[in-house]
Amino acid sequence: MDNFIFSLNATIPIFLVIILGWILMQTHMLNREFTSVADKFVFKIALPCLLFKDIATANLKETFDLSFVLFCMIVTTIMFLTTWLLADLFMKDKTMTGAFIQASVRGSSAVLGIAFVQNIYGNSGMAPMMIVASVPLYNIFSVIILTFHSNDVVKDKNRIRTACMNVAKNPIILSIFAALLIAISGLSVPAIPLKAISSVASTATPLALLVVGATFEGKKAIKKIKPTAVATFIKLVLLPTLFLPFAYWFGFRDSELVAILVMLASPTTVTCYIMAKNMNNDAVLSSSVVVTATLFSSITLTFWVYLLRTLGLI
């Protein structure tokens, strides 16, 4: 019951902020101009600050575990490439492919990871290491996939070069690698700039959620209910079903296993919507999956935690 209450506390407030965004849009307190500017601010400033703060302040030297890092990196790569291959083969509407792949794989690791592990063990455990191992790859693969499937470059013969350029200039990826350099070197960010970065970072998630709610188009989303349901099932059920047994087989337990669970089974992150919209992919499908996965994740995450505890693994 405690795990269920915690799952509700972690996911329902996110859902409520999305609803608030929708209400504010319907009452004309927000408008399209606001959401357009907010999209760019979150993409170029707030999200980079959030990821920079999370990674730059992680104590990598104390928690570094090569086998754990490699497992998270390899699993993340397999998830993206396999979903990409299957979506390319079976999705009839190719305009949805990029958004579908990203939404099916990319979870709220940076947002829920540390909170989830702390709730169970009282400390962040291996969550920061999971974030360092998976989140950079989340963003690199997302940029590549969204570039290849962007409506701007469907007929572009230089998509590989375009993808490389987009990775190189993506503000989220640049912030991640800057943070990694600081974390690996053992340097610390001075208190004054860190406080300023943290203040800006704190706006990323609520502002992005408000925009998702404000721009959510129910009629269009209903027309995409099938890919939404499939992406939600992949994110919350299929991925943990496939990869948690491998985590067990490799000997990961306790906070390591919970961190891996968050990587696999956390709801689709709101960043998917922000990146899909800014890179001219299907923002409607992205927002639909974010809303649906967030709503159902309180149930599925509770189930996975209950199962792992019943088996004595966490």
C-alpha atoms as a PDB file:
ATOM      1  CA  MET A   1       0.000   0.000   0.000  1.00  0.00           C
ATOM      2  CA  ASP A   2       2.880   2.388   0.805  1.00  0.00           C
ATOM      3  CA  ASN A   3       4.332   1.822  -2.653  1.00  0.00           C
ATOM      4  CA  PHE A   4       0.966   2.540  -4.256  1.00  0.00           C
ATOM      5  CA  ILE A   5       0.592   5.788  -2.298  1.00  0.00           C
ATOM      6  CA  PHE A   6       4.119   6.802  -3.266  1.00  0.00           C
ATOM      7  CA  SER A   7       3.439   6.007  -6.929  1.00  0.00           C
ATOM      8  CA  LEU A   8       0.303   8.133  -6.785  1.00  0.00           C
ATOM      9  CA  ASN A   9       2.236  10.967  -5.145  1.00  0.00           C
ATOM     10  CA  ALA A  10       4.904  10.748  -7.858  1.00  0.00           C
ATOM     11  CA  THR A  11       2.626  10.594 -10.906  1.00  0.00           C
ATOM     12  CA  ILE A  12      -0.787  12.114 -10.145  1.00  0.00           C
ATOM     13  CA  PRO A  13       0.598  15.637  -9.463  1.00  0.00           C
ATOM     14  CA  ILE A  14       2.219  15.480 -12.915  1.00  0.00           C
ATOM     15  CA  PHE A  15      -1.133  14.562 -14.423  1.00  0.00           C
ATOM     16  CA  LEU A  16      -2.875  17.362 -12.498  1.00  0.00           C
ATOM     17  CA  VAL A  17      -0.439  19.982 -13.831  1.00  0.00           C
ATOM     18  CA  ILE A  18      -1.208  18.759 -17.365  1.00  0.00           C
ATOM     19  CA  ILE A  19      -4.939  19.177 -16.642  1.00  0.00           C
ATOM     20  CA  LEU A  20      -4.273  22.666 -15.243  1.00  0.00           C
ATOM     21  CA  GLY A  21      -2.532  23.609 -18.491  1.00  0.00           C
ATOM     22  CA  TRP A  22      -5.572  22.444 -20.457  1.00  0.00           C
ATOM     23  CA  ILE A  23      -7.973  24.408 -18.217  1.00  0.00           C
ATOM     24  CA  LEU A  24      -5.871  27.569 -18.479  1.00  0.00           C
ATOM     25  CA  MET A  25      -5.886  27.258 -22.257  1.00  0.00           C
ATOM     26  CA  GLN A  26      -9.663  26.751 -22.381  1.00  0.00           C
ATOM     27  CA  THR A  27     -10.218  29.809 -20.196  1.00  0.00           C
ATOM     28  CA  HIS A  28      -7.801  31.836 -22.379  1.00  0.00           C
ATOM     29  CA  MET A  29      -5.365  32.533 -19.568  1.00  0.00           C
ATOM     30  CA  LEU A  30      -2.781  30.884 -21.826  1.00  0.00           C
ATOM     31  CA  ASN A  31      -2.547  31.247 -25.595  1.00  0.00           C
ATOM     32  CA  ARG A  32      -0.642  29.799 -28.546  1.00  0.00           C
ATOM     33  CA  GLU A  33       2.002  32.504 -28.402  1.00  0.00           C
ATOM     34  CA  PHE A  34       2.778  31.589 -24.781  1.00  0.00           C
ATOM     35  CA  THR A  35       3.074  27.878 -25.551  1.00  0.00           C
ATOM     36  CA  SER A  36       5.333  28.557 -28.542  1.00  0.00           C
ATOM     37  CA  VAL A  37       7.709  30.709 -26.484  1.00  0.00           C
ATOM     38  CA  ALA A  38       7.558  28.282 -23.531  1.00  0.00           C
ATOM     39  CA  ASP A  39       8.435  25.352 -25.814  1.00  0.00           C
ATOM     40  CA  LYS A  40      11.611  27.086 -26.939  1.00  0.00           C
ATOM     41  CA  PHE A  41      12.528  28.201 -23.422  1.00  0.00           C
ATOM     42  CA  VAL A  42      12.147  24.692 -21.992  1.00  0.00           C
ATOM     43  CA  PHE A  43      14.025  23.097 -24.902  1.00  0.00           C
ATOM     44  CA  LYS A  44      16.938  25.541 -25.036  1.00  0.00           C
ATOM     45  CA  ILE A  45      17.285  26.721 -21.425  1.00  0.00           C
ATOM     46  CA  ALA A  46      15.298  24.971 -18.684  1.00  0.00           C
ATOM     47  CA  LEU A  47      15.800  21.309 -19.615  1.00  0.00           C
ATOM     48  CA  PRO A  48      19.541  21.756 -20.257  1.00  0.00           C
ATOM     49  CA  CYS A  49      19.822  23.390 -16.821  1.00  0.00           C
ATOM     50  CA  LEU A  50      17.886  20.535 -15.184  1.00  0.00           C
ATOM     51  CA  LEU A  51      20.051  17.791 -16.692  1.00  0.00           C
ATOM     52  CA  PHE A  52      23.253  19.767 -16.090  1.00  0.00           C
ATOM     53  CA  LYS A  53      22.386  20.144 -12.397  1.00  0.00           C
ATOM     54  CA  ASP A  54      21.436  16.466 -11.947  1.00  0.00           C
ATOM     55  CA  ILE A  55      24.603  15.124 -13.579  1.00  0.00           C
ATOM     56  CA  ALA A  56      27.165  17.744 -12.509  1.00  0.00           C
ATOM     57  CA  THR A  57      26.233  17.285  -8.841  1.00  0.00           C
ATOM     58  CA  ALA A  58      26.316  13.462  -8.962  1.00  0.00           C
ATOM     59  CA  ASN A  59      29.127  11.833  -6.984  1.00  0.00           C
ATOM     60  CA  LEU A  60      30.387   9.487  -9.702  1.00  0.00           C
ATOM     61  CA  LYS A  61      33.602   8.442  -7.976  1.00  0.00           C
ATOM     62  CA  GLU A  62      31.834   6.939  -4.951  1.00  0.00           C
ATOM     63  CA  THR A  63      29.042   5.167  -6.840  1.00  0.00           C
ATOM     64  CA  PHE A  64      30.785   4.217 -10.078  1.00  0.00           C
ATOM     65  CA  ASP A  65      30.130   0.612 -11.110  1.00  0.00           C
ATOM     66  CA  LEU A  66      31.321  -0.288 -14.618  1.00  0.00           C
ATOM     67  CA  SER A  67      29.083  -3.338 -15.012  1.00  0.00           C
ATOM     68  CA  PHE A  68      26.017  -1.336 -13.969  1.00  0.00           C
ATOM     69  CA  VAL A  69      26.864   1.542 -16.326  1.00  0.00           C
ATOM     70  CA  LEU A  70      27.483  -0.808 -19.251  1.00  0.00           C
ATOM     71  CA  PHE A  71      24.236  -2.666 -18.580  1.00  0.00           C
ATOM     72  CA  CYS A  72      22.210   0.572 -18.608  1.00  0.00           C
ATOM     73  CA  MET A  73      23.948   1.818 -21.756  1.00  0.00           C
ATOM     74  CA  ILE A  74      23.577  -1.471 -23.659  1.00  0.00           C
ATOM     75  CA  VAL A  75      19.921  -1.947 -22.670  1.00  0.00           C
ATOM     76  CA  THR A  76      19.102   1.654 -23.629  1.00  0.00           C
ATOM     77  CA  THR A  77      20.747   1.130 -27.020  1.00  0.00           C
ATOM     78  CA  ILE A  78      18.908  -2.147 -27.627  1.00  0.00           C
ATOM     79  CA  MET A  79      15.563  -0.600 -26.645  1.00  0.00           C
ATOM     80  CA  PHE A  80      15.924   2.286 -29.062  1.00  0.00           C
ATOM     81  CA  LEU A  81      17.311   0.302 -32.002  1.00  0.00           C
ATOM     82  CA  THR A  82      14.805  -2.556 -31.685  1.00  0.00           C
ATOM     83  CA  THR A  83      11.834  -0.209 -31.359  1.00  0.00           C
ATOM     84  CA  TRP A  84      13.140   1.817 -34.300  1.00  0.00           C
ATOM     85  CA  LEU A  85      13.434  -1.287 -36.478  1.00  0.00           C
ATOM     86  CA  LEU A  86       9.992  -2.620 -35.589  1.00  0.00           C
ATOM     87  CA  ALA A  87       8.309   0.768 -35.976  1.00  0.00           C
ATOM     88  CA  ASP A  88       9.909   1.220 -39.397  1.00  0.00           C
ATOM     89  CA  LEU A  89       8.651  -2.186 -40.446  1.00  0.00           C
ATOM     90  CA  PHE A  90       5.110  -2.092 -39.091  1.00  0.00           C
ATOM     91  CA  MET A  91       3.970   1.541 -38.790  1.00  0.00           C
ATOM     92  CA  LYS A  92       1.948   2.510 -41.845  1.00  0.00           C
ATOM     93  CA  ASP A  93       1.858   6.234 -41.099  1.00  0.00           C
ATOM     94  CA  LYS A  94       5.526   7.186 -41.278  1.00  0.00           C
ATOM     95  CA  THR A  95       4.844  10.718 -40.026  1.00  0.00           C
ATOM     96  CA  MET A  96       4.280   9.241 -36.545  1.00  0.00           C
ATOM     97  CA  THR A  97       7.339   6.970 -36.491  1.00  0.00           C
ATOM     98  CA  GLY A  98       9.867   9.260 -34.819  1.00  0.00           C
ATOM     99  CA  ALA A  99       7.494  10.406 -32.085  1.00  0.00           C
ATOM    100  CA  PHE A 100       6.278   6.840 -31.510  1.00  0.00           C
ATOM    101  CA  ILE A 101       9.802   5.433 -31.075  1.00  0.00           C
ATOM    102  CA  GLN A 102      10.875   8.155 -28.671  1.00  0.00           C
ATOM    103  CA  ALA A 103       7.685   7.985 -26.588  1.00  0.00           C
ATOM    104  CA  SER A 104       7.863   4.173 -26.388  1.00  0.00           C
ATOM    105  CA  VAL A 105      11.369   4.139 -24.907  1.00  0.00           C
ATOM    106  CA  ARG A 106      12.222   7.424 -23.231  1.00  0.00           C
ATOM    107  CA  GLY A 107      11.128   7.523 -19.598  1.00  0.00           C
ATOM    108  CA  SER A 108      11.262  10.050 -16.770  1.00  0.00           C
ATOM    109  CA  SER A 109      14.529   8.697 -15.397  1.00  0.00           C
ATOM    110  CA  ALA A 110      15.940  12.055 -14.363  1.00  0.00           C
ATOM    111  CA  VAL A 111      12.670  13.200 -12.760  1.00  0.00           C
ATOM    112  CA  LEU A 112      11.552  10.016 -10.974  1.00  0.00           C
ATOM    113  CA  GLY A 113      14.803   8.081 -10.624  1.00  0.00           C
ATOM    114  CA  ILE A 114      16.338   9.646  -7.536  1.00  0.00           C
ATOM    115  CA  ALA A 115      12.948  10.178  -5.856  1.00  0.00           C
ATOM    116  CA  PHE A 116      11.952   6.548  -6.289  1.00  0.00           C
ATOM    117  CA  VAL A 117      15.182   5.079  -4.942  1.00  0.00           C
ATOM    118  CA  GLN A 118      15.246   7.541  -2.029  1.00  0.00           C
ATOM    119  CA  ASN A 119      11.679   6.599  -1.088  1.00  0.00           C
ATOM    120  CA  ILE A 120      12.620   2.938  -0.778  1.00  0.00           C
ATOM    121  CA  TYR A 121      16.172   3.116   0.601  1.00  0.00           C
ATOM    122  CA  GLY A 122      16.507   6.573   2.137  1.00  0.00           C
ATOM    123  CA  ASN A 123      19.321   7.592  -0.223  1.00  0.00           C
ATOM    124  CA  SER A 124      19.798   8.048  -3.960  1.00  0.00           C
ATOM    125  CA  GLY A 125      21.755   4.772  -4.302  1.00  0.00           C
ATOM    126  CA  MET A 126      22.568   4.003  -7.931  1.00  0.00           C
ATOM    127  CA  ALA A 127      19.987   6.360  -9.439  1.00  0.00           C
ATOM    128  CA  PRO A 128      22.532   9.090 -10.324  1.00  0.00           C
ATOM    129  CA  MET A 129      24.710   6.489 -12.060  1.00  0.00           C
ATOM    130  CA  MET A 130      21.694   5.230 -14.034  1.00  0.00           C
ATOM    131  CA  ILE A 131      20.926   8.801 -15.090  1.00  0.00           C
ATOM    132  CA  VAL A 132      24.512   9.338 -16.235  1.00  0.00           C
ATOM    133  CA  ALA A 133      24.495   6.045 -18.170  1.00  0.00           C
ATOM    134  CA  SER A 134      21.095   6.307 -19.856  1.00  0.00           C
ATOM    135  CA  VAL A 135      19.980   9.938 -20.167  1.00  0.00           C
ATOM    136  CA  PRO A 136      22.785  11.031 -22.554  1.00  0.00           C
ATOM    137  CA  LEU A 137      21.887   8.101 -24.816  1.00  0.00           C
ATOM    138  CA  TYR A 138      18.174   8.928 -24.525  1.00  0.00           C
ATOM    139  CA  ASN A 139      18.913  12.332 -25.965  1.00  0.00           C
ATOM    140  CA  ILE A 140      21.402  11.267 -28.622  1.00  0.00           C
ATOM    141  CA  PHE A 141      19.139   8.518 -29.973  1.00  0.00           C
ATOM    142  CA  SER A 142      16.101  10.792 -29.773  1.00  0.00           C
ATOM    143  CA  VAL A 143      17.794  13.529 -31.796  1.00  0.00           C
ATOM    144  CA  ILE A 144      18.954  11.028 -34.424  1.00  0.00           C
ATOM    145  CA  ILE A 145      15.559   9.340 -34.713  1.00  0.00           C
ATOM    146  CA  LEU A 146      13.580  12.576 -34.737  1.00  0.00           C
ATOM    147  CA  THR A 147      15.943  13.956 -37.396  1.00  0.00           C
ATOM    148  CA  PHE A 148      15.524  10.910 -39.622  1.00  0.00           C
ATOM    149  CA  HIS A 149      11.750  11.016 -39.279  1.00  0.00           C
ATOM    150  CA  SER A 150      11.233  14.767 -39.209  1.00  0.00           C
ATOM    151  CA  ASN A 151       8.725  16.098 -41.703  1.00  0.00           C
ATOM    152  CA  ASP A 152      11.439  18.534 -42.793  1.00  0.00           C
ATOM    153  CA  VAL A 153      13.910  15.895 -43.909  1.00  0.00           C
ATOM    154  CA  VAL A 154      11.796  13.000 -45.158  1.00  0.00           C
ATOM    155  CA  LYS A 155      13.331  13.410 -48.595  1.00  0.00           C
ATOM    156  CA  ASP A 156      16.695  14.707 -47.428  1.00  0.00           C
ATOM    157  CA  LYS A 157      19.543  12.612 -48.823  1.00  0.00           C
ATOM    158  CA  ASN A 158      21.926  14.005 -46.214  1.00  0.00           C
ATOM    159  CA  ARG A 159      19.973  12.852 -43.166  1.00  0.00           C
ATOM    160  CA  ILE A 160      23.063  11.293 -41.543  1.00  0.00           C
ATOM    161  CA  ARG A 161      24.954  14.578 -41.738  1.00  0.00           C
ATOM    162  CA  THR A 162      21.868  16.466 -40.548  1.00  0.00           C
ATOM    163  CA  ALA A 163      21.483  14.066 -37.619  1.00  0.00           C
ATOM    164  CA  CYS A 164      25.130  14.507 -36.623  1.00  0.00           C
ATOM    165  CA  MET A 165      24.795  18.288 -36.796  1.00  0.00           C
ATOM    166  CA  ASN A 166      21.608  18.188 -34.712  1.00  0.00           C
ATOM    167  CA  VAL A 167      23.333  16.052 -32.070  1.00  0.00           C
ATOM    168  CA  ALA A 168      26.319  18.405 -32.010  1.00  0.00           C
ATOM    169  CA  LYS A 169      24.234  21.541 -31.523  1.00  0.00           C
ATOM    170  CA  ASN A 170      21.400  20.159 -29.383  1.00  0.00           C
ATOM    171  CA  PRO A 171      21.354  22.238 -26.167  1.00  0.00           C
ATOM    172  CA  ILE A 172      20.266  19.298 -23.997  1.00  0.00           C
ATOM    173  CA  ILE A 173      23.105  17.082 -25.223  1.00  0.00           C
ATOM    174  CA  LEU A 174      25.656  19.903 -24.886  1.00  0.00           C
ATOM    175  CA  SER A 175      24.575  20.488 -21.278  1.00  0.00           C
ATOM    176  CA  ILE A 176      24.845  16.770 -20.494  1.00  0.00           C
ATOM    177  CA  PHE A 177      28.400  16.488 -21.776  1.00  0.00           C
ATOM    178  CA  ALA A 178      29.443  19.692 -20.006  1.00  0.00           C
ATOM    179  CA  ALA A 179      28.024  18.249 -16.787  1.00  0.00           C
ATOM    180  CA  LEU A 180      29.781  14.929 -17.364  1.00  0.00           C
ATOM    181  CA  LEU A 181      33.137  16.694 -17.716  1.00  0.00           C
ATOM    182  CA  ILE A 182      32.577  18.414 -14.377  1.00  0.00           C
ATOM    183  CA  ALA A 183      31.354  15.249 -12.628  1.00  0.00           C
ATOM    184  CA  ILE A 184      34.198  13.078 -13.960  1.00  0.00           C
ATOM    185  CA  SER A 185      36.870  15.666 -13.149  1.00  0.00           C
ATOM    186  CA  GLY A 186      35.666  15.867  -9.553  1.00  0.00           C
ATOM    187  CA  LEU A 187      35.199  19.624  -9.757  1.00  0.00           C
ATOM    188  CA  SER A 188      32.230  21.272  -8.104  1.00  0.00           C
ATOM    189  CA  VAL A 189      30.049  24.040  -9.481  1.00  0.00           C
ATOM    190  CA  PRO A 190      30.378  27.192  -7.341  1.00  0.00           C
ATOM    191  CA  ALA A 191      27.404  27.795  -5.054  1.00  0.00           C
ATOM    192  CA  ILE A 192      26.118  31.010  -6.625  1.00  0.00           C
ATOM    193  CA  PRO A 193      25.889  29.811 -10.273  1.00  0.00           C
ATOM    194  CA  LEU A 194      24.614  26.420  -9.086  1.00  0.00           C
ATOM    195  CA  LYS A 195      21.775  28.100  -7.209  1.00  0.00           C
ATOM    196  CA  ALA A 196      20.895  30.137 -10.301  1.00  0.00           C
ATOM    197  CA  ILE A 197      20.997  27.019 -12.500  1.00  0.00           C
ATOM    198  CA  SER A 198      18.845  25.145  -9.993  1.00  0.00           C
ATOM    199  CA  SER A 199      16.269  27.943 -10.001  1.00  0.00           C
ATOM    200  CA  VAL A 200      15.971  27.854 -13.786  1.00  0.00           C
ATOM    201  CA  ALA A 201      15.990  24.026 -13.756  1.00  0.00           C
ATOM    202  CA  SER A 202      13.035  23.975 -11.365  1.00  0.00           C
ATOM    203  CA  THR A 203      10.878  25.592 -14.055  1.00  0.00           C
ATOM    204  CA  ALA A 204      11.525  22.888 -16.668  1.00  0.00           C
ATOM    205  CA  THR A 205       9.100  20.147 -15.654  1.00  0.00           C
ATOM    206  CA  PRO A 206       6.087  22.228 -14.520  1.00  0.00           C
ATOM    207  CA  LEU A 207       6.335  24.581 -17.495  1.00  0.00           C
ATOM    208  CA  ALA A 208       6.658  21.696 -19.952  1.00  0.00           C
ATOM    209  CA  LEU A 209       3.671  19.945 -18.360  1.00  0.00           C
ATOM    210  CA  LEU A 210       1.564  23.097 -18.571  1.00  0.00           C
ATOM    211  CA  VAL A 211       2.409  23.355 -22.273  1.00  0.00           C
ATOM    212  CA  VAL A 212       1.499  19.708 -22.855  1.00  0.00           C
ATOM    213  CA  GLY A 213      -1.893  20.309 -21.251  1.00  0.00           C
ATOM    214  CA  ALA A 214      -2.436  23.632 -22.998  1.00  0.00           C
ATOM    215  CA  THR A 215      -1.697  22.225 -26.441  1.00  0.00           C
ATOM    216  CA  PHE A 216      -3.398  18.858 -25.895  1.00  0.00           C
ATOM    217  CA  GLU A 217      -5.949  18.324 -28.664  1.00  0.00           C
ATOM    218  CA  GLY A 218      -8.397  15.655 -27.574  1.00  0.00           C
ATOM    219  CA  LYS A 219     -10.032  15.060 -30.934  1.00  0.00           C
ATOM    220  CA  LYS A 220      -6.704  14.616 -32.705  1.00  0.00           C
ATOM    221  CA  ALA A 221      -5.384  12.445 -29.864  1.00  0.00           C
ATOM    222  CA  ILE A 222      -8.406  10.128 -30.029  1.00  0.00           C
ATOM    223  CA  LYS A 223      -7.646   9.501 -33.703  1.00  0.00           C
ATOM    224  CA  LYS A 224      -4.211   8.272 -32.589  1.00  0.00           C
ATOM    225  CA  ILE A 225      -5.442   6.114 -29.722  1.00  0.00           C
ATOM    226  CA  LYS A 226      -4.003   2.902 -31.196  1.00  0.00           C
ATOM    227  CA  PRO A 227      -0.347   4.050 -31.470  1.00  0.00           C
ATOM    228  CA  THR A 228      -0.790   5.801 -28.110  1.00  0.00           C
ATOM    229  CA  ALA A 229      -1.942   2.554 -26.463  1.00  0.00           C
ATOM    230  CA  VAL A 230       0.840   0.525 -28.094  1.00  0.00           C
ATOM    231  CA  ALA A 231       3.552   3.027 -27.066  1.00  0.00           C
ATOM    232  CA  THR A 232       2.193   3.147 -23.505  1.00  0.00           C
ATOM    233  CA  PHE A 233       2.146  -0.662 -23.298  1.00  0.00           C
ATOM    234  CA  ILE A 234       5.730  -0.870 -24.564  1.00  0.00           C
ATOM    235  CA  LYS A 235       6.935   1.757 -22.083  1.00  0.00           C
ATOM    236  CA  LEU A 236       5.154   0.556 -18.945  1.00  0.00           C
ATOM    237  CA  VAL A 237       4.856  -3.201 -19.458  1.00  0.00           C
ATOM    238  CA  LEU A 238       6.845  -4.704 -22.323  1.00  0.00           C
ATOM    239  CA  LEU A 239      10.278  -3.171 -21.678  1.00  0.00           C
ATOM    240  CA  PRO A 240      10.440  -4.113 -17.972  1.00  0.00           C
ATOM    241  CA  THR A 241       9.070  -7.581 -18.781  1.00  0.00           C
ATOM    242  CA  LEU A 242      11.840  -8.160 -21.303  1.00  0.00           C
ATOM    243  CA  PHE A 243      14.826  -6.617 -19.511  1.00  0.00           C
ATOM    244  CA  LEU A 244      14.270  -7.026 -15.746  1.00  0.00           C
ATOM    245  CA  PRO A 245      15.069 -10.775 -15.991  1.00  0.00           C
ATOM    246  CA  PHE A 246      18.424  -9.853 -17.548  1.00  0.00           C
ATOM    247  CA  ALA A 247      19.089  -7.423 -14.698  1.00  0.00           C
ATOM    248  CA  TYR A 248      18.379 -10.240 -12.255  1.00  0.00           C
ATOM    249  CA  TRP A 249      20.597 -12.637 -14.200  1.00  0.00           C
ATOM    250  CA  PHE A 250      23.488 -10.142 -14.102  1.00  0.00           C
ATOM    251  CA  GLY A 251      23.168  -9.985 -10.328  1.00  0.00           C
ATOM    252  CA  PHE A 252      21.715  -6.525  -9.793  1.00  0.00           C
ATOM    253  CA  ARG A 253      19.745  -6.155  -6.566  1.00  0.00           C
ATOM    254  CA  ASP A 254      18.306  -3.516  -4.222  1.00  0.00           C
ATOM    255  CA  SER A 255      18.948   0.110  -5.281  1.00  0.00           C
ATOM    256  CA  GLU A 256      20.611  -1.041  -8.507  1.00  0.00           C
ATOM    257  CA  LEU A 257      17.518  -2.982  -9.510  1.00  0.00           C
ATOM    258  CA  VAL A 258      15.163  -0.147  -8.536  1.00  0.00           C
ATOM    259  CA  ALA A 259      17.213   2.291 -10.626  1.00  0.00           C
ATOM    260  CA  ILE A 260      17.013  -0.103 -13.583  1.00  0.00           C
ATOM    261  CA  LEU A 261      13.269  -0.457 -13.015  1.00  0.00           C
ATOM    262  CA  VAL A 262      12.873   3.328 -13.232  1.00  0.00           C
ATOM    263  CA  MET A 263      14.920   3.366 -16.438  1.00  0.00           C
ATOM    264  CA  LEU A 264      12.685   0.699 -17.965  1.00  0.00           C
ATOM    265  CA  ALA A 265       9.212   1.359 -16.568  1.00  0.00           C
ATOM    266  CA  SER A 266       8.893   5.048 -15.693  1.00  0.00           C
ATOM    267  CA  PRO A 267       6.235   6.965 -17.661  1.00  0.00           C
ATOM    268  CA  THR A 268       7.118   8.701 -20.893  1.00  0.00           C
ATOM    269  CA  THR A 269       8.916  11.933 -20.087  1.00  0.00           C
ATOM    270  CA  VAL A 270       7.459  15.309 -21.019  1.00  0.00           C
ATOM    271  CA  THR A 271      10.765  15.978 -22.812  1.00  0.00           C
ATOM    272  CA  CYS A 272       9.459  13.751 -25.611  1.00  0.00           C
ATOM    273  CA  TYR A 273       6.783  16.292 -26.415  1.00  0.00           C
ATOM    274  CA  ILE A 274       9.179  19.243 -26.233  1.00  0.00           C
ATOM    275  CA  MET A 275      11.727  17.608 -28.537  1.00  0.00           C
ATOM    276  CA  ALA A 276       9.152  16.207 -30.965  1.00  0.00           C
ATOM    277  CA  LYS A 277       7.545  19.621 -31.396  1.00  0.00           C
ATOM    278  CA  ASN A 278      10.841  21.484 -31.735  1.00  0.00           C
ATOM    279  CA  MET A 279      12.130  18.961 -34.290  1.00  0.00           C
ATOM    280  CA  ASN A 280       8.969  18.921 -36.400  1.00  0.00           C
ATOM    281  CA  ASN A 281       7.706  15.474 -35.439  1.00  0.00           C
ATOM    282  CA  ASP A 282       4.268  14.382 -34.219  1.00  0.00           C
ATOM    283  CA  ALA A 283       3.635  16.504 -31.129  1.00  0.00           C
ATOM    284  CA  VAL A 284       0.010  15.313 -30.833  1.00  0.00           C
ATOM    285  CA  LEU A 285       1.045  11.662 -30.500  1.00  0.00           C
ATOM    286  CA  SER A 286       3.844  12.598 -28.092  1.00  0.00           C
ATOM    287  CA  SER A 287       1.550  14.540 -25.769  1.00  0.00           C
ATOM    288  CA  SER A 288      -1.050  11.773 -25.937  1.00  0.00           C
ATOM    289  CA  VAL A 289       1.481   9.150 -24.823  1.00  0.00           C
ATOM    290  CA  VAL A 290       2.827  11.420 -22.065  1.00  0.00           C
ATOM    291  CA  VAL A 291      -0.687  11.881 -20.652  1.00  0.00           C
ATOM    292  CA  THR A 292      -1.679   8.209 -20.956  1.00  0.00           C
ATOM    293  CA  ALA A 293       1.583   6.758 -19.632  1.00  0.00           C
ATOM    294  CA  THR A 294       1.609   9.167 -16.691  1.00  0.00           C
ATOM    295  CA  LEU A 295      -1.970   8.231 -15.778  1.00  0.00           C
ATOM    296  CA  PHE A 296      -1.361   4.462 -15.795  1.00  0.00           C
ATOM    297  CA  SER A 297       2.197   4.420 -14.431  1.00  0.00           C
ATOM    298  CA  SER A 298       1.059   4.732 -10.811  1.00  0.00           C
ATOM    299  CA  ILE A 299      -0.524   1.292 -11.207  1.00  0.00           C
ATOM    300  CA  THR A 300       2.199  -0.381 -13.265  1.00  0.00           C
ATOM    301  CA  LEU A 301       5.133   0.974 -11.245  1.00  0.00           C
ATOM    302  CA  THR A 302       3.447  -0.164  -8.040  1.00  0.00           C
ATOM    303  CA  PHE A 303       2.990  -3.615  -9.545  1.00  0.00           C
ATOM    304  CA  TRP A 304       6.667  -3.883 -10.507  1.00  0.00           C
ATOM    305  CA  VAL A 305       7.869  -2.728  -7.077  1.00  0.00           C
ATOM    306  CA  TYR A 306       5.451  -5.164  -5.379  1.00  0.00           C
ATOM    307  CA  LEU A 307       6.675  -8.013  -7.588  1.00  0.00           C
ATOM    308  CA  LEU A 308      10.362  -7.310  -6.935  1.00  0.00           C
ATOM    309  CA  ARG A 309       9.727  -7.029  -3.186  1.00  0.00           C
ATOM    310  CA  THR A 310       7.713 -10.234  -3.133  1.00  0.00           C
ATOM    311  CA  LEU A 311      10.610 -12.010  -4.820  1.00  0.00           C
ATOM    312  CA  GLY A 312      13.003 -10.560  -2.230  1.00  0.00           C
ATOM    313  CA  LEU A 313      15.069  -8.686  -4.810  1.00  0.00           C
ATOM    314  CA  ILE A 314      14.696  -5.184  -3.394  1.00  0.00           C
END
